[in-house]
Protein backbone atom coordinates (compact mmCIF):
# COMPACT_ATOMS: atom_id res chain seq x y z
CA MET A 1 10.76 66.79 -17.25
CA GLN A 2 10.51 63.00 -17.57
CA GLN A 3 9.97 62.69 -13.83
CA ASN A 4 7.03 65.11 -13.99
CA ASN A 5 5.45 63.12 -16.81
CA ARG A 6 5.90 59.88 -14.83
CA CYS A 7 4.24 61.44 -11.78
CA LEU A 8 1.29 62.57 -13.89
CA GLU A 9 0.81 59.08 -15.37
CA GLU A 10 0.88 57.15 -12.05
CA PRO A 11 -2.58 58.25 -10.83
CA HIS A 12 -3.98 57.23 -14.21
CA TYR A 13 -2.61 53.67 -13.79
CA ILE A 14 -3.90 53.44 -10.23
CA GLU A 15 -7.33 54.56 -11.37
CA GLU A 16 -7.37 51.94 -14.13
CA ASP A 17 -6.43 49.21 -11.62
CA GLU A 18 -9.27 50.27 -9.32
CA ILE A 19 -11.71 50.20 -12.22
CA ASP A 20 -10.52 46.69 -13.21
CA LEU A 21 -10.97 45.34 -9.69
CA ARG A 22 -14.41 46.87 -9.47
CA GLU A 23 -15.39 45.35 -12.80
CA LEU A 24 -14.12 41.97 -11.72
CA TRP A 25 -16.19 42.11 -8.55
CA GLN A 26 -19.25 43.25 -10.47
CA THR A 27 -18.80 40.36 -12.89
CA ILE A 28 -18.67 37.91 -9.98
CA VAL A 29 -21.78 39.45 -8.36
CA LYS A 30 -23.61 39.39 -11.67
CA GLY A 31 -22.76 35.70 -12.15
CA LYS A 32 -23.49 34.64 -8.58
CA LYS A 33 -26.35 32.39 -9.74
CA VAL A 34 -24.01 30.54 -12.09
CA ILE A 35 -21.42 30.15 -9.32
CA ALA A 36 -24.06 28.93 -6.87
CA THR A 37 -25.40 26.45 -9.42
CA VAL A 38 -21.93 25.04 -10.15
CA MET A 39 -21.16 24.77 -6.44
CA PHE A 40 -24.47 23.06 -5.74
CA LEU A 41 -24.01 20.50 -8.52
CA VAL A 42 -20.39 19.69 -7.68
CA VAL A 43 -20.88 19.49 -3.90
CA THR A 44 -24.05 17.43 -4.31
CA ALA A 45 -22.32 14.99 -6.65
CA THR A 46 -19.39 14.75 -4.21
CA PHE A 47 -21.77 14.18 -1.29
CA VAL A 48 -23.49 11.36 -3.16
CA TYR A 49 -20.10 9.86 -3.97
CA VAL A 50 -18.71 9.96 -0.41
CA MET A 51 -21.95 8.50 0.94
CA SER A 52 -21.78 5.63 -1.55
CA ILE A 53 -18.27 4.43 -0.66
CA PRO A 54 -17.75 2.14 2.35
CA ASN A 55 -15.37 2.70 5.22
CA VAL A 56 -11.91 1.15 4.96
CA TYR A 57 -10.33 -0.47 8.01
CA LYS A 58 -6.75 -1.49 8.68
CA SER A 59 -5.38 -4.30 10.78
CA GLU A 60 -1.71 -4.57 11.68
CA THR A 61 0.69 -6.98 13.30
CA VAL A 62 4.12 -6.06 14.64
CA LEU A 63 6.93 -8.61 14.46
CA ILE A 64 10.23 -8.73 16.31
CA PRO A 65 12.98 -9.94 13.98
CA VAL A 66 15.42 -12.37 15.56
CA SER A 67 18.94 -10.98 15.48
CA ASP A 68 20.86 -13.26 13.16
CA SER A 69 24.59 -13.22 12.64
CA SER A 70 26.01 -13.50 9.20
CA GLY A 71 26.54 -17.21 9.90
CA PRO A 72 29.18 -19.39 11.47
CA ASN A 73 32.83 -18.54 10.98
CA LEU A 74 33.87 -20.86 8.17
CA GLY A 75 37.46 -19.78 7.80
CA GLY A 76 39.06 -21.61 4.90
CA LEU A 77 36.17 -24.09 4.73
CA GLY A 78 34.00 -21.53 2.97
CA GLY A 79 36.35 -21.36 -0.02
CA LEU A 80 36.57 -25.16 -0.13
CA ALA A 81 32.79 -25.46 -0.16
CA ALA A 82 32.51 -22.86 -2.92
CA MET A 83 34.92 -24.86 -5.06
CA ALA A 84 32.71 -27.90 -4.52
CA GLY A 85 29.66 -25.95 -5.72
CA VAL A 86 27.95 -25.81 -2.33
CA SER A 87 26.56 -22.51 -1.01
CA LEU A 88 27.34 -22.04 2.66
CA GLY A 89 26.03 -18.49 2.94
CA GLY A 90 23.74 -17.87 5.91
CA GLY A 91 20.14 -18.70 5.04
CA GLY A 92 19.07 -15.66 7.04
CA SER A 93 21.19 -13.12 5.20
CA MET A 94 17.97 -11.59 3.86
CA THR A 95 15.96 -9.67 6.44
CA PRO A 96 12.40 -10.96 7.06
CA ASP A 97 10.69 -7.81 5.75
CA THR A 98 12.69 -8.02 2.51
CA ALA A 99 11.88 -11.72 2.19
CA PHE A 100 8.15 -11.12 2.78
CA ASN A 101 8.08 -8.24 0.28
CA THR A 102 9.88 -10.39 -2.28
CA LEU A 103 7.21 -13.07 -2.02
CA LEU A 104 4.44 -10.47 -2.06
CA ASN A 105 5.72 -9.38 -5.48
CA ASP A 106 6.28 -12.91 -6.77
CA TYR A 107 3.37 -13.79 -9.07
CA GLU A 108 3.67 -17.58 -8.81
CA PHE A 109 3.76 -17.55 -5.01
CA MET A 110 0.86 -15.08 -4.81
CA LYS A 111 -1.18 -17.10 -7.32
CA LYS A 112 -0.82 -20.19 -5.16
CA PHE A 113 -1.56 -18.13 -2.05
CA VAL A 114 -4.82 -16.54 -3.30
CA GLU A 115 -6.05 -19.86 -4.66
CA GLU A 116 -5.24 -22.05 -1.66
CA ASN A 117 -6.62 -19.52 0.83
CA LYS A 118 -9.75 -18.89 -1.27
CA VAL A 119 -8.99 -15.19 -1.60
CA VAL A 120 -10.09 -15.27 -5.25
CA ALA A 121 -13.42 -16.79 -4.28
CA TYR A 122 -13.85 -14.27 -1.46
CA TYR A 123 -13.34 -11.14 -3.57
CA ASN A 124 -15.45 -12.48 -6.44
CA SER A 125 -18.39 -13.67 -4.35
CA ALA A 126 -21.73 -11.89 -4.52
CA ASP A 127 -21.84 -11.24 -0.77
CA VAL A 128 -18.30 -9.86 -0.42
CA ASP A 129 -19.78 -6.53 0.73
CA LYS A 130 -22.19 -7.88 3.34
CA ASN A 131 -20.04 -6.59 6.23
CA TYR A 132 -19.26 -3.18 4.73
CA VAL A 133 -19.89 -0.16 6.97
CA PHE A 134 -21.15 3.16 5.59
CA ALA A 135 -21.59 6.70 6.91
CA LEU A 136 -24.74 6.88 9.04
CA ASN A 137 -25.22 3.18 8.17
CA PHE A 138 -26.73 4.33 4.89
CA ARG A 139 -25.83 1.86 2.13
CA THR A 140 -28.71 2.58 -0.29
CA LEU A 141 -26.51 4.66 -2.60
CA TYR A 142 -23.86 1.92 -2.66
CA ASP A 143 -26.45 -0.71 -3.59
CA LEU A 144 -27.80 1.63 -6.24
CA PHE A 145 -24.45 1.88 -8.02
CA HIS A 146 -23.25 -1.70 -7.44
CA SER A 147 -24.93 -4.68 -8.98
CA THR A 148 -25.32 -7.78 -6.80
CA GLU A 149 -24.38 -9.95 -9.76
CA LYS A 150 -20.67 -10.28 -10.42
CA GLU A 151 -19.39 -10.01 -13.95
CA ASP A 152 -18.52 -13.34 -15.56
CA LYS A 153 -14.76 -12.85 -15.91
CA ASN A 154 -12.13 -15.28 -17.05
CA TYR A 155 -10.67 -17.15 -14.07
CA GLU A 156 -7.12 -16.04 -14.87
CA ASP A 157 -8.34 -12.43 -14.89
CA GLN A 158 -9.95 -12.97 -11.50
CA VAL A 159 -6.68 -14.34 -10.12
CA TYR A 160 -4.68 -11.46 -11.59
CA ASN A 161 -7.09 -8.80 -10.25
CA THR A 162 -7.16 -10.46 -6.83
CA ILE A 163 -3.35 -10.49 -6.63
CA LYS A 164 -3.28 -6.78 -7.57
CA LYS A 165 -5.84 -6.01 -4.88
CA VAL A 166 -3.98 -7.96 -2.20
CA LYS A 167 -0.67 -6.29 -3.11
CA SER A 168 -2.20 -2.81 -3.02
CA ASN A 169 -3.97 -3.46 0.30
CA MET A 170 -0.99 -5.03 2.07
CA SER A 171 1.99 -3.12 3.41
CA ILE A 172 5.20 -4.60 4.85
CA SER A 173 7.71 -2.20 6.35
CA SER A 174 10.55 -2.12 8.85
CA ASP A 175 11.36 0.63 11.35
CA LYS A 176 15.00 1.66 10.89
CA LYS A 177 15.46 2.61 14.55
CA THR A 178 13.77 -0.32 16.30
CA ALA A 179 14.00 -2.90 13.46
CA LEU A 180 10.39 -3.88 14.24
CA ILE A 181 8.47 -5.15 11.22
CA SER A 182 4.90 -3.98 10.56
CA VAL A 183 2.57 -6.00 8.34
CA SER A 184 -0.78 -4.33 7.68
CA TYR A 185 -3.77 -4.95 5.46
CA SER A 186 -6.68 -2.64 4.58
CA ASP A 187 -10.15 -3.69 3.51
CA SER A 188 -13.73 -2.50 3.70
CA ASP A 189 -14.66 -5.68 5.57
CA ARG A 190 -13.01 -5.03 8.93
CA THR A 191 -13.09 -8.73 9.87
CA TYR A 192 -10.99 -9.83 6.88
CA PRO A 193 -7.55 -8.13 7.35
CA PRO A 194 -6.48 -10.24 10.38
CA LYS A 195 -7.32 -13.43 8.48
CA ILE A 196 -5.32 -12.59 5.38
CA ILE A 197 -2.35 -11.24 7.39
CA ASN A 198 -2.09 -14.47 9.36
CA ALA A 199 -2.54 -16.57 6.22
CA PHE A 200 0.13 -14.66 4.30
CA LEU A 201 2.69 -14.77 7.11
CA ARG A 202 2.03 -18.48 7.63
CA ASP A 203 2.42 -19.40 3.96
CA ALA A 204 5.36 -17.06 3.35
CA SER A 205 7.16 -18.32 6.45
CA SER A 206 6.56 -21.92 5.44
CA TYR A 207 8.00 -21.25 2.00
CA LEU A 208 11.04 -19.40 3.35
CA VAL A 209 11.77 -21.92 6.10
CA GLU A 210 11.58 -24.84 3.66
CA ASN A 211 13.92 -23.04 1.32
CA ASN A 212 16.40 -22.30 4.12
CA LEU A 213 16.20 -25.85 5.44
CA ARG A 214 17.24 -27.13 2.02
CA ILE A 215 20.26 -24.82 2.19
CA ILE A 216 21.06 -26.04 5.72
CA ASP A 217 20.75 -29.69 4.66
CA ASN A 218 23.21 -29.01 1.83
CA LYS A 219 25.63 -27.63 4.39
CA LEU A 220 25.23 -30.65 6.65
CA ASN A 221 25.72 -33.10 3.79
CA TYR A 222 28.82 -31.27 2.64
CA PHE A 223 30.49 -31.08 6.05
CA SER A 224 29.59 -34.69 6.86
CA LYS A 225 31.34 -35.87 3.69
CA GLU A 226 34.35 -33.69 4.40
CA MET A 227 34.53 -34.99 7.95
CA GLN A 228 34.67 -38.59 6.74
CA LYS A 229 37.55 -37.74 4.41
CA ALA A 230 39.48 -35.61 6.91
CA ASP A 231 42.60 -37.14 8.50
CA ALA A 232 43.89 -34.28 10.63
CA PHE A 233 42.42 -34.07 14.12
CA GLU A 234 42.14 -30.25 14.07
CA LEU A 235 40.23 -30.32 10.79
CA ARG A 236 37.83 -32.98 12.08
CA GLN A 237 37.29 -30.93 15.25
CA SER A 238 36.62 -27.78 13.21
CA LEU A 239 34.16 -29.62 10.97
CA SER A 240 32.41 -31.11 13.99
CA SER A 241 32.03 -27.64 15.47
CA MET A 242 30.59 -26.36 12.19
CA ILE A 243 28.06 -29.19 12.02
CA SER A 244 26.99 -28.43 15.59
CA GLN A 245 26.42 -24.75 14.76
CA ILE A 246 24.46 -25.60 11.62
CA LEU A 247 22.23 -27.99 13.59
CA GLN A 248 21.57 -25.20 16.08
CA GLU A 249 20.63 -22.93 13.17
CA LYS A 250 18.22 -25.61 11.94
CA VAL A 251 16.56 -25.96 15.34
CA MET A 252 16.28 -22.17 15.69
CA MET A 253 14.75 -21.92 12.21
CA LYS A 254 11.97 -24.36 13.16
CA SER A 255 11.28 -22.80 16.55
CA LYS A 256 9.83 -19.51 15.29
CA GLN A 257 6.14 -19.00 14.52
CA TYR A 258 7.05 -16.89 11.51
CA TYR A 259 10.22 -16.68 9.47
CA GLN A 260 12.97 -15.35 11.80
CA CYS A 261 10.34 -13.39 13.75
CA ASP A 262 8.50 -13.37 17.05
CA VAL A 263 5.07 -11.75 17.28
CA LEU A 264 4.90 -8.58 19.37
CA THR A 265 1.28 -7.66 18.66
CA PRO A 266 -1.09 -9.90 16.68
CA PRO A 267 -3.53 -8.50 14.09
CA THR A 268 -6.96 -7.69 15.46
CA VAL A 269 -10.31 -6.64 14.04
CA ALA A 270 -10.51 -2.84 13.91
CA TYR A 271 -13.15 -1.04 15.96
CA VAL A 272 -16.12 -0.03 13.82
CA LYS A 273 -15.43 3.71 14.34
CA ASP A 274 -11.70 3.40 13.74
CA LYS A 275 -11.72 3.73 9.95
CA THR A 276 -8.66 4.83 7.99
CA LYS A 277 -10.55 6.27 5.04
CA PRO A 278 -12.41 7.86 3.33
CA LYS A 279 -11.94 11.32 4.84
CA ARG A 280 -15.44 12.45 3.89
CA GLY A 281 -15.26 15.85 5.56
CA LEU A 282 -11.97 16.70 3.86
CA ILE A 283 -13.29 15.53 0.49
CA LEU A 284 -16.35 17.78 0.84
CA VAL A 285 -14.25 20.80 1.86
CA VAL A 286 -11.95 20.32 -1.14
CA SER A 287 -15.01 19.88 -3.36
CA PHE A 288 -16.54 23.14 -2.04
CA ILE A 289 -13.37 25.15 -2.69
CA THR A 290 -12.83 23.57 -6.10
CA SER A 291 -16.42 24.22 -7.16
CA LEU A 292 -16.12 27.88 -6.07
CA ILE A 293 -12.99 28.35 -8.19
CA LEU A 294 -14.61 26.52 -11.10
CA GLY A 295 -17.76 28.65 -10.83
CA VAL A 296 -15.81 31.94 -10.83
CA PHE A 297 -13.76 30.79 -13.80
CA LEU A 298 -16.94 29.85 -15.68
CA VAL A 299 -18.47 33.28 -15.00
CA PHE A 300 -15.40 35.08 -16.34
CA PHE A 301 -15.31 32.80 -19.36
CA LEU A 302 -18.97 33.46 -20.15
CA GLU A 303 -18.41 37.20 -19.71
CA PHE A 304 -15.47 37.02 -22.09
CA LEU A 305 -17.60 35.25 -24.71
CA LYS A 306 -20.36 37.82 -24.24
CA LYS A 307 -18.00 40.77 -24.75
CA ASP A 308 -16.45 39.07 -27.76
CA GLU A 309 -19.89 38.65 -29.35
CA GLU A 310 -20.76 42.30 -28.67
CA ALA A 311 -17.49 43.42 -30.25
CA GLU A 312 -18.23 41.39 -33.39
CA THR A 313 -21.79 42.79 -33.55
CA ASN A 314 -20.56 46.40 -33.29
CA GLU A 315 -18.10 45.82 -36.10
């Protein structure tokens, strides 16, 4: 008996579902003008936006890290040096990409870098956008939304904002398989990335090499003193060998263009059509789909409000 009742009720549910779908479609058709208006406004606003933003270009250099051993075999001399308060650890124990990233995130180093290389002045100049490239070479919308006069900001704020911009635009990474190091920089002025990449690698390498040379000089001073005090021939021979290896390390440190790296491919100015972003077509497609969903939602919401008002009026 229950099965018969269930069978009789099923067509009723199916019929209600069909009526609901038909009503939904009718609501959408009835509100097609609202949907079209929403889509037109959203897509138009998105089109204006994507036409007002300049192209962004990326330049990249690839470095070959020099294979560096963990340092000369110190044997018992390492413990003796540690007791004397002298660090004999290999200056190159930190990989170049880690060292470069460490300096990129060091505020004091970056402050000196952006000031000495006039990066602050560059990004805060009135003509910073003179080389920007736009879709269809149409920059009227950009000029409309961007004043030619720069805001009068505090100098420390300018430095801070410039450091943030450089850090966000620069990427330093290492390939785990090949160990090659990639240093890239993105900017709307396609001529600028190679300049700032070379400047950063030069200054960072200079800082790191000077720091490592101080460590090497400490080693040399320590072993030279120990050699003068040593009486045993074997110990003097071992110390002499260590000094020779450290001197080789010092020469090798100075021979590289960048810190423990050789250049595989230098940074170059990107071709004018080889932009990395914005993806204007993709942005417009997403905007079209989003506006369609938003328009349909608005139509259903308005229909809900209308039915709610009618229900209150009937009561």
